Protein backbone atom coordinates (compact mmCIF):
# COMPACT_ATOMS: atom_id res chain seq x y z
CA SER A 1 0.55 14.02 -19.77
CA VAL A 2 2.67 13.41 -22.90
CA MET A 3 4.46 16.09 -24.24
CA LYS A 4 6.10 16.63 -27.93
CA TYR A 5 9.65 15.99 -28.44
CA ASP A 6 10.35 16.72 -32.45
CA GLU A 7 7.84 15.30 -35.00
CA HIS A 8 7.89 11.72 -34.47
CA THR A 9 8.19 11.31 -30.88
CA VAL A 10 6.68 11.98 -27.61
CA CYS A 11 7.88 12.05 -24.10
CA LYS A 12 6.01 11.09 -21.43
CA PRO A 13 7.39 10.96 -17.27
CA LEU A 14 8.95 7.83 -16.81
CA VAL A 15 7.67 5.31 -14.34
CA SER A 16 9.98 2.92 -13.59
CA GLN A 17 6.84 0.21 -13.96
CA GLU A 18 5.87 1.45 -17.73
CA LEU A 19 10.06 1.27 -18.21
CA SER A 20 10.12 -2.05 -17.05
CA PHE A 21 6.99 -3.05 -19.64
CA TYR A 22 8.75 -1.73 -22.82
CA GLU A 23 11.89 -2.90 -21.98
CA SER A 24 10.76 -6.79 -22.03
CA LEU A 25 8.06 -6.15 -24.17
CA PRO A 26 6.47 -9.51 -25.99
CA LEU A 27 7.50 -9.62 -29.94
CA ALA A 28 3.95 -10.50 -30.76
CA MET A 29 2.59 -6.83 -28.94
CA ARG A 30 5.02 -4.58 -30.85
CA GLN A 31 2.93 -3.69 -33.19
CA PHE A 32 0.38 -2.92 -31.14
CA THR A 33 2.40 -0.26 -28.94
CA PRO A 34 4.57 2.72 -30.02
CA GLN A 35 8.05 2.10 -30.38
CA TYR A 36 10.08 2.59 -27.52
CA LYS A 37 13.01 4.78 -27.82
CA GLY A 38 14.54 5.51 -25.13
CA VAL A 39 14.96 7.72 -21.62
CA VAL A 40 15.92 11.70 -21.76
CA SER A 41 16.56 13.73 -18.47
CA VAL A 42 15.05 16.81 -18.58
CA HIS A 43 15.92 19.91 -16.62
CA LEU A 44 14.01 23.38 -16.72
CA LYS A 45 15.32 26.72 -17.18
CA LYS A 46 13.36 30.04 -16.11
CA ASP A 47 14.41 33.63 -17.14
CA SER A 48 13.44 37.00 -16.01
CA LEU A 49 10.46 37.28 -17.84
CA GLY A 50 9.22 33.79 -16.35
CA ASN A 51 9.69 32.38 -20.18
CA LEU A 52 10.24 28.54 -19.79
CA THR A 53 12.57 26.54 -21.66
CA LEU A 54 12.82 22.62 -20.99
CA ILE A 55 16.57 21.18 -22.18
CA ALA A 56 16.55 17.62 -22.47
CA SER A 57 19.59 15.21 -22.40
CA PRO A 58 20.45 11.58 -23.04
CA SER A 59 19.91 10.06 -19.83
CA LEU A 60 23.32 7.92 -18.45
CA GLN A 61 21.55 4.75 -18.15
CA ALA A 62 19.76 4.88 -21.81
CA GLU A 63 23.24 6.12 -22.90
CA SER A 64 25.54 3.48 -21.78
CA CYS A 65 23.70 0.91 -23.61
CA GLY A 66 23.67 3.26 -26.66
CA ARG A 67 20.03 2.94 -27.57
CA LEU A 68 19.73 6.87 -27.82
CA ASP A 69 22.25 7.43 -30.39
CA ASN A 70 19.95 7.02 -33.02
CA ALA A 71 17.22 8.13 -31.61
CA ILE A 72 18.56 12.15 -30.79
CA GLY A 73 21.95 12.85 -32.74
CA ASP A 74 21.78 15.79 -30.99
CA PRO A 75 23.16 15.89 -27.61
CA SER A 76 21.01 18.40 -25.93
CA VAL A 77 17.44 19.49 -27.08
CA THR A 78 15.22 22.22 -26.04
CA ILE A 79 11.78 20.70 -25.92
CA TRP A 80 9.82 23.49 -25.23
CA HIS A 81 11.38 26.65 -25.99
CA LYS A 82 10.33 29.82 -24.12
CA CYS A 83 7.04 28.75 -22.68
CA LYS A 84 5.19 31.87 -21.63
CA TRP A 85 4.80 30.88 -18.19
CA ALA A 86 1.57 32.07 -16.98
CA ALA A 87 0.44 29.59 -14.50
CA SER A 88 -0.95 32.31 -12.12
CA THR A 89 -2.85 34.80 -13.45
CA GLY A 90 -5.96 33.30 -14.96
CA THR A 91 -6.50 36.15 -17.41
CA GLY A 92 -5.95 35.07 -21.41
CA SER A 93 -2.04 35.55 -21.62
CA GLU A 94 -2.49 31.79 -19.91
CA HIS A 95 -3.46 30.65 -23.81
CA ALA A 96 -0.27 31.46 -24.87
CA PHE A 97 1.00 28.56 -27.39
CA VAL A 98 4.00 26.66 -26.31
CA LYS A 99 6.69 26.46 -29.09
CA TRP A 100 9.10 23.13 -29.47
CA SER A 101 11.95 23.42 -30.49
CA HIS A 102 13.80 20.78 -32.37
CA THR A 103 17.25 21.38 -33.94
CA GLN A 104 16.03 24.50 -35.80
CA LEU A 105 12.07 22.71 -35.85
CA THR A 106 9.69 25.32 -34.13
CA LYS A 107 6.19 23.83 -33.86
CA THR A 108 2.99 24.92 -31.89
CA PHE A 109 0.22 23.16 -30.69
CA LYS A 110 -2.03 24.36 -33.83
CA ASP A 111 -0.02 22.52 -36.33
CA SER A 112 -0.83 19.20 -34.45
CA CYS A 113 -4.35 19.52 -35.82
CA PRO A 114 -4.55 21.60 -38.90
CA GLY A 115 -8.78 22.16 -38.09
CA LYS A 116 -10.13 24.12 -36.26
CA VAL A 117 -11.52 21.97 -32.81
CA LEU A 118 -14.93 23.08 -31.22
CA LEU A 119 -15.79 22.05 -27.79
CA ARG A 120 -19.05 20.53 -27.51
CA THR A 121 -18.97 19.48 -23.94
CA ASP A 122 -18.29 21.45 -20.40
CA LEU A 123 -14.94 20.89 -19.55
CA GLN A 124 -14.53 20.54 -15.73
CA TYR A 125 -12.04 23.60 -15.53
CA HIS A 126 -13.92 27.16 -16.75
CA THR A 127 -11.91 28.84 -18.75
CA ASP A 128 -14.42 30.53 -20.90
CA SER A 129 -12.64 31.71 -23.78
CA LEU A 130 -12.39 27.71 -24.15
CA LEU A 131 -16.06 27.41 -25.16
CA GLU A 132 -18.06 28.40 -28.06
CA ASP A 133 -19.69 31.75 -28.49
CA ALA A 134 -22.85 32.04 -29.12
CA ASN A 135 -22.61 31.56 -33.04
CA ARG A 136 -20.48 27.98 -31.71
CA ASN A 137 -17.32 29.80 -32.91
CA GLN A 138 -14.08 29.37 -30.81
CA PRO A 139 -11.69 32.08 -30.87
CA GLU A 140 -9.20 31.64 -33.63
CA ARG A 141 -6.41 31.11 -30.79
CA ASN A 142 -8.45 28.48 -29.37
CA SER A 143 -8.10 25.74 -32.60
CA TYR A 144 -6.75 22.99 -30.64
CA ASN A 145 -7.82 20.16 -28.51
CA PRO A 146 -8.83 21.99 -25.00
CA TRP A 147 -8.42 19.54 -23.20
CA GLY A 148 -5.34 18.58 -24.60
CA LEU A 149 -3.70 21.77 -23.98
CA HIS A 150 -5.41 21.68 -20.23
CA CYS A 151 -3.18 18.35 -19.42
CA HIS A 152 -0.18 20.14 -21.01
CA ARG A 153 -0.58 23.40 -18.55
CA GLN A 154 -1.51 21.33 -15.39
CA HIS A 155 1.48 19.36 -16.20
CA LEU A 156 4.03 21.88 -16.69
CA ASN A 157 2.79 23.54 -13.86
CA ARG A 158 3.35 20.65 -11.86
CA MET A 159 7.15 20.48 -12.97
CA SER A 160 7.85 24.04 -12.57
CA SER A 161 6.22 24.60 -8.94
CA LYS A 162 9.03 22.32 -7.81
CA HIS A 163 11.15 25.62 -7.75
CA ASN A 164 14.40 23.49 -7.96
CA GLU A 165 15.71 24.15 -11.67
CA ASN A 166 18.35 21.69 -11.38
CA LYS A 167 15.92 18.82 -10.49
CA LEU A 168 16.11 16.43 -13.21
CA HIS A 169 12.99 14.76 -14.89
CA GLN A 170 13.38 11.35 -16.64
CA PHE A 171 11.00 11.41 -19.54
CA LEU A 172 10.72 8.17 -21.77
CA LEU A 173 11.03 8.56 -25.25
CA LEU A 174 8.15 7.04 -27.35
CA GLU A 175 6.81 6.83 -31.12
CA ASN A 176 4.15 9.56 -31.65
CA VAL A 177 1.81 7.36 -33.50
CA VAL A 178 -0.61 9.75 -34.83
CA SER A 179 2.48 11.88 -36.76
CA LYS A 180 1.30 10.31 -39.81
CA TYR A 181 -1.81 11.32 -40.25
CA SER A 182 -3.16 15.04 -41.43
CA TYR A 183 -6.41 14.91 -39.45
CA PRO A 184 -6.01 12.60 -36.78
CA CYS A 185 -9.38 11.20 -35.80
CA ILE A 186 -8.73 9.71 -32.20
CA LEU A 187 -10.68 7.85 -30.11
CA ASP A 188 -8.81 7.30 -26.37
CA LEU A 189 -10.44 3.83 -24.77
CA LYS A 190 -9.48 2.99 -21.22
CA MET A 191 -9.57 -1.03 -21.50
CA GLY A 192 -10.81 -3.09 -19.00
CA THR A 193 -13.16 -4.04 -15.48
CA ARG A 194 -10.54 -2.77 -13.44
CA GLN A 195 -8.42 0.63 -13.18
CA HIS A 196 -6.41 0.63 -10.18
CA GLY A 197 -2.81 -0.64 -10.05
CA ASP A 198 -1.81 -3.20 -7.44
CA ASP A 199 0.03 -0.66 -5.81
CA ALA A 200 -3.26 1.65 -5.36
CA SER A 201 -4.08 3.13 -2.00
CA GLU A 202 -7.17 1.99 -0.32
CA GLU A 203 -8.68 5.63 -0.95
CA LYS A 204 -7.50 5.92 -4.79
CA LYS A 205 -9.09 2.06 -5.19
CA ALA A 206 -12.23 2.97 -4.09
CA ARG A 207 -12.01 5.91 -6.37
CA HIS A 208 -11.18 3.68 -9.19
CA ILE A 209 -13.80 0.93 -8.71
CA LYS A 210 -16.40 3.96 -8.31
CA LYS A 211 -15.46 5.30 -12.06
CA CYS A 212 -15.90 1.38 -13.01
CA GLU A 213 -18.94 0.97 -11.37
CA GLN A 214 -20.60 4.37 -12.93
CA SER A 215 -19.44 4.27 -16.07
CA THR A 216 -19.63 1.66 -19.20
CA SER A 217 -16.19 0.15 -17.67
CA ALA A 218 -18.21 -2.25 -15.45
CA SER A 219 -20.89 -3.40 -17.89
CA LEU A 220 -18.78 -3.63 -20.83
CA GLY A 221 -15.13 -3.48 -19.84
CA VAL A 222 -14.07 -0.37 -21.92
CA ARG A 223 -15.18 3.56 -21.79
CA ILE A 224 -14.24 6.30 -23.46
CA CYS A 225 -11.77 8.64 -22.04
CA GLY A 226 -11.38 11.09 -25.18
CA MET A 227 -11.87 11.52 -28.34
CA GLN A 228 -11.09 14.32 -31.37
CA VAL A 229 -12.97 13.57 -34.87
CA TYR A 230 -12.81 15.52 -37.76
CA GLN A 231 -16.16 16.93 -39.00
CA ALA A 232 -15.30 17.40 -43.10
CA ASP A 233 -18.40 19.56 -43.42
CA THR A 234 -17.22 22.45 -40.98
CA GLY A 235 -13.59 21.99 -41.29
CA HIS A 236 -13.20 21.68 -36.96
CA PHE A 237 -12.67 18.67 -35.10
CA LEU A 238 -15.27 17.74 -32.44
CA CYS A 239 -13.82 16.70 -29.16
CA LYS A 240 -14.82 14.95 -26.16
CA ASP A 241 -13.15 14.45 -22.89
CA LYS A 242 -13.12 11.58 -20.17
CA TYR A 243 -16.06 13.29 -18.03
CA TYR A 244 -17.98 12.97 -21.22
CA GLY A 245 -16.74 9.19 -21.42
CA ARG A 246 -17.53 8.42 -17.58
CA LYS A 247 -21.35 9.56 -18.20
CA LEU A 248 -22.35 6.96 -21.23
CA SER A 249 -24.47 4.39 -21.32
CA PRO A 250 -23.98 1.26 -23.17
CA GLU A 251 -26.67 3.06 -25.74
CA GLY A 252 -24.47 6.21 -25.48
CA PHE A 253 -21.20 4.48 -25.63
CA ARG A 254 -22.82 2.78 -28.87
CA GLN A 255 -23.56 6.02 -30.40
CA THR A 256 -20.56 8.05 -29.52
CA LEU A 257 -18.60 5.05 -31.25
CA ARG A 258 -20.96 5.62 -34.09
CA GLN A 259 -20.28 9.48 -34.24
CA PHE A 260 -16.54 8.58 -33.88
CA LEU A 261 -16.78 6.99 -37.83
CA CYS A 262 -19.10 10.15 -38.71
CA ASN A 263 -17.31 13.14 -40.61
CA GLY A 264 -20.00 15.24 -40.72
CA ASN A 265 -21.23 13.96 -43.68
CA HIS A 266 -21.59 10.42 -43.84
CA LEU A 267 -20.34 7.20 -42.02
CA ARG A 268 -16.94 5.66 -42.67
CA THR A 269 -18.05 2.66 -43.46
CA ASP A 270 -14.76 1.76 -45.14
CA LEU A 271 -12.91 2.48 -41.83
CA LEU A 272 -14.99 -0.60 -39.89
CA GLU A 273 -13.42 -4.22 -41.49
CA PRO A 274 -9.54 -2.73 -40.71
CA ILE A 275 -10.71 -1.24 -38.17
CA ILE A 276 -12.32 -5.27 -36.68
CA LEU A 277 -9.61 -6.73 -38.05
CA ARG A 278 -6.87 -5.50 -36.37
CA LEU A 279 -9.03 -5.40 -33.36
CA LYS A 280 -9.38 -9.32 -33.83
CA ALA A 281 -5.47 -9.78 -34.16
CA LEU A 282 -4.93 -7.72 -30.90
CA LEU A 283 -7.25 -10.04 -29.20
CA SER A 284 -5.01 -13.00 -30.25
CA VAL A 285 -2.27 -11.69 -28.84
CA ILE A 286 -3.81 -10.80 -25.42
CA ARG A 287 -5.38 -14.30 -25.44
CA LYS A 288 -2.03 -15.67 -25.17
CA GLN A 289 -0.34 -13.03 -22.79
CA SER A 290 -0.19 -15.16 -19.78
CA SER A 291 0.28 -13.16 -16.52
CA TYR A 292 -0.06 -9.41 -17.94
CA ARG A 293 -2.70 -7.23 -16.21
CA PHE A 294 -3.32 -4.07 -18.40
CA TYR A 295 -4.54 -2.27 -15.24
CA SER A 296 -5.64 1.56 -16.72
CA SER A 297 -4.19 1.29 -19.99
CA SER A 298 -5.82 2.76 -23.15
CA LEU A 299 -6.24 1.72 -26.23
CA LEU A 300 -6.37 4.18 -29.40
CA ILE A 301 -7.90 4.10 -32.56
CA ILE A 302 -6.65 6.24 -35.25
CA TYR A 303 -7.84 7.33 -38.75
CA ASP A 304 -7.29 10.35 -40.92
CA GLY A 305 -10.27 12.25 -41.44
CA GLN A 306 -9.08 13.59 -44.51
CA GLU A 307 -10.31 11.22 -46.98
CA HIS A 308 -8.51 10.04 -49.64
CA LYS A 309 -9.96 9.50 -53.33
CA GLU A 310 -9.15 5.57 -53.19
CA ASN A 311 -11.44 4.95 -50.17
CA MET A 312 -14.52 6.52 -51.61
CA ALA A 313 -14.10 4.57 -54.66
CA PRO A 314 -16.53 1.58 -54.65
CA LEU A 315 -15.57 -1.07 -52.22
CA ASP A 316 -15.61 -4.01 -54.84
CA ASN A 317 -12.60 -2.31 -57.26
CA HIS A 318 -10.69 -2.84 -53.97
CA LEU A 319 -12.08 -6.27 -52.57
CA HIS A 320 -8.51 -8.20 -54.68
CA PHE A 321 -6.11 -5.81 -53.39
CA GLN A 322 -7.27 -5.34 -49.77
CA LYS A 323 -7.32 -9.09 -49.35
CA THR A 324 -3.82 -9.46 -51.14
CA ASN A 325 -2.13 -6.86 -48.98
CA CYS A 326 -4.19 -7.82 -45.65
CA THR A 327 -1.67 -11.19 -45.10
CA THR A 328 1.26 -9.10 -44.75
CA SER A 329 1.38 -7.78 -41.07
CA GLN A 330 2.32 -4.09 -42.59
CA GLY A 331 -1.12 -4.23 -44.83
CA THR A 332 -2.58 -1.29 -46.39
CA HIS A 333 -4.95 -1.40 -44.37
CA HIS A 334 -2.77 -0.52 -41.19
CA SER A 335 -2.21 2.69 -42.86
CA ARG A 336 -5.83 3.83 -43.13
CA VAL A 337 -6.34 2.71 -39.31
CA ASP A 338 -4.37 2.11 -36.61
CA VAL A 339 -4.83 0.69 -32.93
CA ARG A 340 -2.07 0.91 -30.91
CA MET A 341 -2.13 0.09 -26.40
CA ILE A 342 -0.71 3.06 -24.53
CA ASP A 343 -0.13 3.87 -20.69
CA PHE A 344 1.46 1.06 -18.97
CA ALA A 345 2.70 2.51 -15.88
CA HIS A 346 0.31 0.13 -13.52
CA THR A 347 1.18 -2.85 -15.87
CA THR A 348 2.28 -6.09 -14.35
CA PHE A 349 3.80 -9.02 -15.30
CA LYS A 350 5.62 -11.71 -14.26
CA GLY A 351 9.39 -11.00 -14.07
CA SER A 352 8.49 -7.48 -14.13
CA LYS A 353 11.32 -5.58 -11.74
CA CYS A 354 8.41 -3.68 -9.68
CA ASN A 355 6.25 -6.80 -9.70
CA HIS A 356 3.71 -6.83 -7.15
CA THR A 357 1.01 -9.34 -7.50
CA THR A 358 1.47 -12.25 -9.77
CA TYR A 359 -1.52 -13.62 -12.20
CA ASP A 360 -1.99 -16.36 -14.11
CA GLY A 361 -3.63 -16.73 -17.40
CA PRO A 362 -4.62 -13.43 -19.65
CA ASP A 363 -6.06 -9.92 -18.58
CA HIS A 364 -10.19 -11.64 -18.81
CA GLY A 365 -11.12 -7.93 -18.19
CA TYR A 366 -9.35 -6.53 -20.99
CA ILE A 367 -10.60 -9.37 -23.39
CA PHE A 368 -13.70 -8.72 -21.84
CA GLY A 369 -13.19 -4.86 -22.76
CA LEU A 370 -11.72 -5.99 -26.48
CA GLU A 371 -14.79 -8.84 -27.11
CA ASN A 372 -17.72 -6.30 -26.49
CA LEU A 373 -16.11 -3.29 -28.60
CA ILE A 374 -15.64 -5.72 -31.51
CA LYS A 375 -19.13 -6.89 -31.16
CA ILE A 376 -20.45 -3.12 -31.51
CA LEU A 377 -18.12 -1.77 -33.99
CA GLN A 378 -19.74 -5.36 -35.93
CA ASN A 379 -23.49 -4.24 -35.41
CA ILE A 380 -22.95 -0.30 -36.53
CA SER A 381 -21.46 -2.59 -39.69
CA GLU A 382 -24.55 -4.40 -40.21
C-alpha cells in the first residue's frame, strides 16, 4: 500500500529486498523506475477522539549518508493529519477523508483525482455506498478510486492494530510518478509468467501459480491489476480492480487495453506510437539485465486524460517535431505518456543483499509479457 508523502513523493512500507534493488539500480533502468528519495521512520499517534496522525522523521541510516537533506528539509513531517479512525464501525464514518499535511499543505484523496470516479466492477468487499446508485451516480463524497481507498484503509488498519504507539515503521520515499498529470489515466499491469518470490511459502507459491494459470499471466505473460481511465464525455473516471483483471481472457485483455485508450468519445490513437516506443525501449533494457528476476513487479502505463490542443492537430504537422525530439531520452513523447516499473519487493539479482537464488540471463517471463503487450498495441494501432 502506497501513501502520499507530499505532492511529488509517495512512501511505501520498506522491504529490504526492494531497498536493495533501488540502492543498486542499473543506470539504464533509471528512466523506467520511480526516483528513489531515501527512507523515513514513521510512528503513529492517536488522540482520545480516535484521530490518527502519522509522523515521519528521517531514518538514522539514511540520514548518515546525507541522502535525505534535500528530500525533506523539515526534520519531522506529519504525513497523515487527523485521519478519522473508524475501522471498527462499518458505517459511513468509515469514509472520512484522510488528510495529508506536509508543511502547511493539506491534501485529500479528492485532489488526486479531479474527476468523479465511477466504479463499474463489484469490489470483493461490499460497501454499498461505494457502488453506483440506480442512475449510475456515486455519492459526491466517494469521488475517488474506491479500490485505492480500500487499500489505504486496510494498511492504516494493520499499522494501527499493532497498538504500540512507539513502534517505528520504516517507509521508502519514492517519486510520485503521476503527480504531473491533471487527470491521470493509469494502467497497472502485473508482469511475467511467475508471481511468487523465492522466499514464498509452499502455500503462497501454490496460490500465486494458480492465479497465473487461471489468468492471462500464463498465456500472455501479463495481466491487468488495476485501471483508471478518464471519460471526457461524463467527467468521471472509470475504474477496474485486480479481481476484474484476473478474470479476463486474452481477448478480454485486448479489449480492456483498448478501453484504457478510449476517453468516452474516441480512441486516443495519438498515444499508441509513444507508448509502443517506450515499451520497446524498456524491452531492450530488460533483455540486457542478466540475473534480474522481477517477480510480482508491476508496470504502469500513464497518460493524461485531458487532451491538449496539439494532440488534436493533424498528425503530419507534428511528424517532424516528434522525430527531432524522439532522439533525446526526455523527448516530448515522454511527457505525454509514461511507462514505469514499480514494486520490487520480490526482485532478485546477483549481488543482492537478500538473495535467495541466483539466476542466469534475462527475465524471460517478463520479456514474454512485454513482447505480447507491444504486439497487442500494434494490432490496436493497425
